[in-house]
N, C-alpha and C. Protein backbone atom coordinates (compact mmCIF):
# COMPACT_ATOMS: atom_id res chain seq x y z
N MET A 1 0.85 -1.18 0.00
CA MET A 1 0.00 0.00 0.00
C MET A 1 0.89 1.23 0.00
N PRO A 2 0.71 2.14 -0.95
CA PRO A 2 1.54 3.33 -1.02
C PRO A 2 1.26 4.24 0.17
N SER A 3 2.36 4.82 0.69
CA SER A 3 2.18 5.73 1.81
C SER A 3 1.69 7.08 1.31
N LYS A 4 0.90 7.70 2.12
CA LYS A 4 0.35 9.01 1.77
C LYS A 4 1.40 10.07 2.06
N LYS A 5 1.83 10.77 1.02
CA LYS A 5 2.82 11.82 1.21
C LYS A 5 2.12 13.09 1.66
N LYS A 6 2.67 13.66 2.68
CA LYS A 6 2.13 14.91 3.17
C LYS A 6 2.68 16.05 2.33
N SER A 7 1.82 16.95 1.90
CA SER A 7 2.26 18.09 1.10
C SER A 7 3.09 19.02 1.97
N PRO A 8 3.99 19.78 1.34
CA PRO A 8 4.79 20.71 2.13
C PRO A 8 3.88 21.71 2.82
N PRO A 9 4.26 22.12 4.02
CA PRO A 9 3.39 23.04 4.76
C PRO A 9 3.22 24.35 4.01
N SER A 10 1.98 24.81 3.99
CA SER A 10 1.72 26.09 3.34
C SER A 10 2.09 27.21 4.30
N PRO A 11 2.42 28.37 3.75
CA PRO A 11 2.73 29.48 4.65
C PRO A 11 1.52 29.77 5.53
N ALA A 12 1.78 30.21 6.74
CA ALA A 12 0.68 30.44 7.68
C ALA A 12 -0.36 31.37 7.07
N ALA A 13 0.08 32.51 6.57
CA ALA A 13 -0.84 33.47 5.96
C ALA A 13 -0.04 34.59 5.32
N GLU A 14 -0.72 35.35 4.49
CA GLU A 14 -0.08 36.50 3.84
C GLU A 14 0.02 37.69 4.80
N SER A 15 -0.96 37.79 5.71
CA SER A 15 -0.97 38.92 6.63
C SER A 15 -1.60 38.50 7.95
N PHE A 16 -1.42 39.35 8.94
CA PHE A 16 -2.00 39.11 10.26
C PHE A 16 -3.53 39.01 10.15
N GLU A 17 -4.13 39.90 9.37
CA GLU A 17 -5.59 39.93 9.24
C GLU A 17 -6.11 38.63 8.62
N GLU A 18 -5.44 38.15 7.58
CA GLU A 18 -5.85 36.90 6.94
C GLU A 18 -5.73 35.73 7.91
N ALA A 19 -4.63 35.70 8.66
CA ALA A 19 -4.42 34.63 9.62
C ALA A 19 -5.50 34.65 10.70
N ALA A 20 -5.82 35.83 11.20
CA ALA A 20 -6.84 35.95 12.24
C ALA A 20 -8.21 35.51 11.72
N ASP A 21 -8.53 35.90 10.49
CA ASP A 21 -9.82 35.49 9.90
C ASP A 21 -9.89 33.97 9.74
N GLU A 22 -8.82 33.38 9.21
CA GLU A 22 -8.81 31.93 9.02
C GLU A 22 -8.87 31.21 10.36
N LEU A 23 -8.18 31.74 11.35
CA LEU A 23 -8.20 31.14 12.68
C LEU A 23 -9.61 31.17 13.26
N GLU A 24 -10.34 32.25 13.06
CA GLU A 24 -11.73 32.32 13.52
C GLU A 24 -12.58 31.25 12.87
N GLU A 25 -12.37 31.04 11.57
CA GLU A 25 -13.13 30.02 10.85
C GLU A 25 -12.82 28.62 11.39
N ILE A 26 -11.55 28.36 11.65
CA ILE A 26 -11.16 27.06 12.19
C ILE A 26 -11.78 26.85 13.57
N ILE A 27 -11.80 27.89 14.38
CA ILE A 27 -12.41 27.78 15.71
C ILE A 27 -13.88 27.43 15.59
N LYS A 28 -14.58 28.07 14.65
CA LYS A 28 -16.01 27.75 14.44
C LYS A 28 -16.17 26.29 14.04
N ILE A 29 -15.29 25.82 13.16
CA ILE A 29 -15.36 24.43 12.71
C ILE A 29 -15.09 23.48 13.87
N LEU A 30 -14.07 23.79 14.68
CA LEU A 30 -13.72 22.91 15.80
C LEU A 30 -14.80 22.89 16.87
N GLU A 31 -15.57 23.97 16.99
CA GLU A 31 -16.64 24.02 17.98
C GLU A 31 -17.81 23.14 17.57
N GLN A 32 -17.94 22.89 16.28
CA GLN A 32 -18.99 22.01 15.79
C GLN A 32 -18.52 20.57 15.91
N GLU A 33 -19.39 19.65 15.62
CA GLU A 33 -18.99 18.25 15.67
C GLU A 33 -18.06 17.97 14.50
N PRO A 34 -16.87 17.43 14.78
CA PRO A 34 -15.91 17.16 13.71
C PRO A 34 -16.40 16.03 12.79
N THR A 35 -16.00 16.12 11.54
CA THR A 35 -16.39 15.09 10.58
C THR A 35 -15.53 13.84 10.75
N SER A 36 -14.26 14.02 11.06
CA SER A 36 -13.38 12.87 11.29
C SER A 36 -12.24 13.31 12.20
N LEU A 37 -11.61 12.33 12.81
CA LEU A 37 -10.48 12.62 13.69
C LEU A 37 -9.33 13.22 12.89
N ALA A 38 -9.09 12.71 11.70
CA ALA A 38 -8.00 13.23 10.86
C ALA A 38 -8.24 14.70 10.52
N LYS A 39 -9.48 15.05 10.15
CA LYS A 39 -9.82 16.44 9.83
C LYS A 39 -9.69 17.32 11.06
N LEU A 40 -10.11 16.80 12.20
CA LEU A 40 -10.00 17.55 13.46
C LEU A 40 -8.54 17.85 13.76
N LEU A 41 -7.67 16.87 13.60
CA LEU A 41 -6.25 17.07 13.87
C LEU A 41 -5.61 18.03 12.86
N ASP A 42 -6.01 17.90 11.59
CA ASP A 42 -5.49 18.83 10.58
C ASP A 42 -5.89 20.26 10.88
N ASP A 43 -7.16 20.46 11.25
CA ASP A 43 -7.64 21.81 11.57
C ASP A 43 -6.94 22.35 12.81
N PHE A 44 -6.74 21.49 13.80
CA PHE A 44 -6.07 21.92 15.02
C PHE A 44 -4.63 22.32 14.71
N GLU A 45 -3.95 21.52 13.91
CA GLU A 45 -2.56 21.83 13.54
C GLU A 45 -2.47 23.14 12.76
N ARG A 46 -3.39 23.34 11.83
CA ARG A 46 -3.42 24.58 11.06
C ARG A 46 -3.68 25.77 11.99
N GLY A 47 -4.59 25.59 12.94
CA GLY A 47 -4.89 26.64 13.90
C GLY A 47 -3.66 27.00 14.74
N GLN A 48 -2.89 26.01 15.12
CA GLN A 48 -1.67 26.26 15.89
C GLN A 48 -0.67 27.06 15.05
N ASP A 49 -0.54 26.71 13.77
CA ASP A 49 0.36 27.45 12.88
C ASP A 49 -0.08 28.91 12.74
N LEU A 50 -1.38 29.10 12.58
CA LEU A 50 -1.91 30.46 12.43
C LEU A 50 -1.74 31.26 13.72
N LEU A 51 -1.97 30.62 14.85
CA LEU A 51 -1.80 31.29 16.13
C LEU A 51 -0.35 31.72 16.33
N SER A 52 0.57 30.85 15.99
CA SER A 52 1.99 31.18 16.10
C SER A 52 2.35 32.34 15.18
N PHE A 53 1.82 32.32 13.97
CA PHE A 53 2.06 33.41 13.01
C PHE A 53 1.53 34.73 13.58
N CYS A 54 0.33 34.72 14.14
CA CYS A 54 -0.27 35.94 14.71
C CYS A 54 0.55 36.45 15.89
N GLN A 55 0.98 35.54 16.76
CA GLN A 55 1.77 35.96 17.92
C GLN A 55 3.10 36.57 17.48
N ASN A 56 3.75 35.96 16.49
CA ASN A 56 5.01 36.51 15.98
C ASN A 56 4.80 37.87 15.31
N SER A 57 3.69 38.02 14.61
CA SER A 57 3.38 39.30 13.97
C SER A 57 3.19 40.39 15.02
N LEU A 58 2.49 40.05 16.10
CA LEU A 58 2.27 41.02 17.17
C LEU A 58 3.57 41.38 17.88
N LYS A 59 4.43 40.39 18.09
CA LYS A 59 5.73 40.67 18.72
C LYS A 59 6.55 41.61 17.84
N SER A 60 6.54 41.35 16.54
CA SER A 60 7.28 42.19 15.61
C SER A 60 6.72 43.61 15.60
N ALA A 61 5.41 43.73 15.61
CA ALA A 61 4.78 45.06 15.64
C ALA A 61 5.13 45.79 16.93
N ARG A 62 5.16 45.08 18.05
CA ARG A 62 5.51 45.70 19.33
C ARG A 62 6.94 46.23 19.30
N LYS A 63 7.85 45.44 18.71
CA LYS A 63 9.24 45.88 18.61
C LYS A 63 9.35 47.15 17.76
N ARG A 64 8.62 47.18 16.65
CA ARG A 64 8.64 48.37 15.80
C ARG A 64 8.08 49.58 16.53
N LEU A 65 7.00 49.38 17.29
CA LEU A 65 6.43 50.49 18.06
C LEU A 65 7.41 50.99 19.12
N ASP A 66 8.12 50.06 19.75
CA ASP A 66 9.11 50.45 20.75
C ASP A 66 10.22 51.29 20.12
N ILE A 67 10.65 50.92 18.92
CA ILE A 67 11.69 51.67 18.21
C ILE A 67 11.19 53.07 17.87
N VAL A 68 9.98 53.15 17.34
CA VAL A 68 9.41 54.46 16.99
C VAL A 68 9.26 55.32 18.24
N GLU A 69 8.78 54.72 19.32
CA GLU A 69 8.60 55.47 20.56
C GLU A 69 9.95 55.96 21.10
N ALA A 70 10.97 55.13 21.03
CA ALA A 70 12.30 55.53 21.51
C ALA A 70 12.84 56.69 20.68
N LYS A 71 12.64 56.63 19.36
CA LYS A 71 13.09 57.73 18.49
C LYS A 71 12.34 59.01 18.83
N PHE A 72 11.05 58.89 19.06
CA PHE A 72 10.24 60.06 19.40
C PHE A 72 10.71 60.68 20.71
N GLN A 73 10.96 59.83 21.70
CA GLN A 73 11.42 60.34 22.99
C GLN A 73 12.80 60.98 22.88
N ALA A 74 13.67 60.39 22.07
CA ALA A 74 15.00 60.96 21.88
C ALA A 74 14.88 62.33 21.21
N ASN A 75 14.00 62.44 20.22
CA ASN A 75 13.80 63.73 19.56
C ASN A 75 13.20 64.75 20.52
N SER A 76 12.28 64.33 21.36
CA SER A 76 11.67 65.24 22.32
C SER A 76 12.70 65.75 23.30
N LEU A 77 13.58 64.86 23.77
CA LEU A 77 14.61 65.28 24.71
C LEU A 77 15.59 66.25 24.07
N SER A 78 15.96 66.00 22.81
CA SER A 78 16.91 66.91 22.15
C SER A 78 16.24 68.26 21.87
N ASP A 79 14.95 68.25 21.56
CA ASP A 79 14.23 69.51 21.35
C ASP A 79 14.15 70.32 22.64
N GLU A 80 13.92 69.63 23.76
CA GLU A 80 13.85 70.31 25.05
C GLU A 80 15.20 70.90 25.43
N SER A 81 16.27 70.17 25.17
CA SER A 81 17.58 70.70 25.53
C SER A 81 17.95 71.89 24.64
N GLU A 82 17.53 71.88 23.38
CA GLU A 82 17.78 73.03 22.50
C GLU A 82 16.98 74.24 22.97
N ASP A 83 15.75 74.01 23.40
CA ASP A 83 14.91 75.11 23.88
C ASP A 83 15.49 75.72 25.15
N SER A 84 15.97 74.90 26.06
CA SER A 84 16.51 75.44 27.30
C SER A 84 17.84 76.14 27.07
N SER A 85 18.63 75.68 26.11
CA SER A 85 19.90 76.35 25.84
C SER A 85 19.67 77.69 25.15
N SER A 86 18.63 77.81 24.36
CA SER A 86 18.35 79.08 23.69
C SER A 86 17.82 80.11 24.68
N GLU A 87 17.22 79.67 25.79
CA GLU A 87 16.75 80.59 26.81
C GLU A 87 17.91 81.21 27.56
N ASP A 88 19.01 80.49 27.68
CA ASP A 88 20.18 80.98 28.39
C ASP A 88 20.97 81.99 27.58
N GLU A 89 20.84 81.96 26.27
CA GLU A 89 21.59 82.88 25.41
C GLU A 89 20.97 84.27 25.47
N PRO A 90 21.80 85.30 25.43
CA PRO A 90 21.24 86.65 25.45
C PRO A 90 20.46 86.91 24.17
N SER A 91 19.42 87.62 24.33
CA SER A 91 18.54 87.91 23.21
C SER A 91 18.93 89.25 22.58
N ASN A 92 18.72 89.38 21.30
CA ASN A 92 18.99 90.62 20.59
C ASN A 92 17.85 91.61 20.76
N ASP A 93 16.80 91.19 21.45
CA ASP A 93 15.64 92.05 21.67
C ASP A 93 15.87 93.04 22.80
N ASP A 94 17.03 93.05 23.42
CA ASP A 94 17.29 93.95 24.53
C ASP A 94 17.26 95.41 24.09
N ASP A 95 17.54 95.63 22.83
CA ASP A 95 17.58 97.01 22.33
C ASP A 95 16.17 97.61 22.22
N VAL A 96 15.18 96.78 22.09
CA VAL A 96 13.83 97.25 21.94
C VAL A 96 13.15 97.19 23.30
N ARG A 97 12.72 98.34 23.79
CA ARG A 97 12.07 98.38 25.09
C ARG A 97 10.80 99.20 24.96
N LEU A 98 9.80 98.69 25.61
CA LEU A 98 8.54 99.42 25.62
C LEU A 98 8.42 100.18 26.93
N LEU A 99 8.00 101.41 26.87
CA LEU A 99 7.87 102.22 28.08
C LEU A 99 6.46 102.25 28.56
């Protein structure tokens, strides 16, 4: 009897949104009565792959947000130090006085 070759694993998804949508569909299917044990296991395995993809996508997004936030804070600090140093410098407006 020839052995059944398993096809190479398909990529989890093209995007986080696609993975989340497919994962929701699999959850709905798993909540219903399964048609067979093999199908149940295949759906569960696919769901695990999608969940892992979503978690990795969220971790990557968090890292990017942390980088952006750090850059923003660095820029804010340098802007504040420039503002405070300009306050210490004498102003050329001393010649103009209102009585």
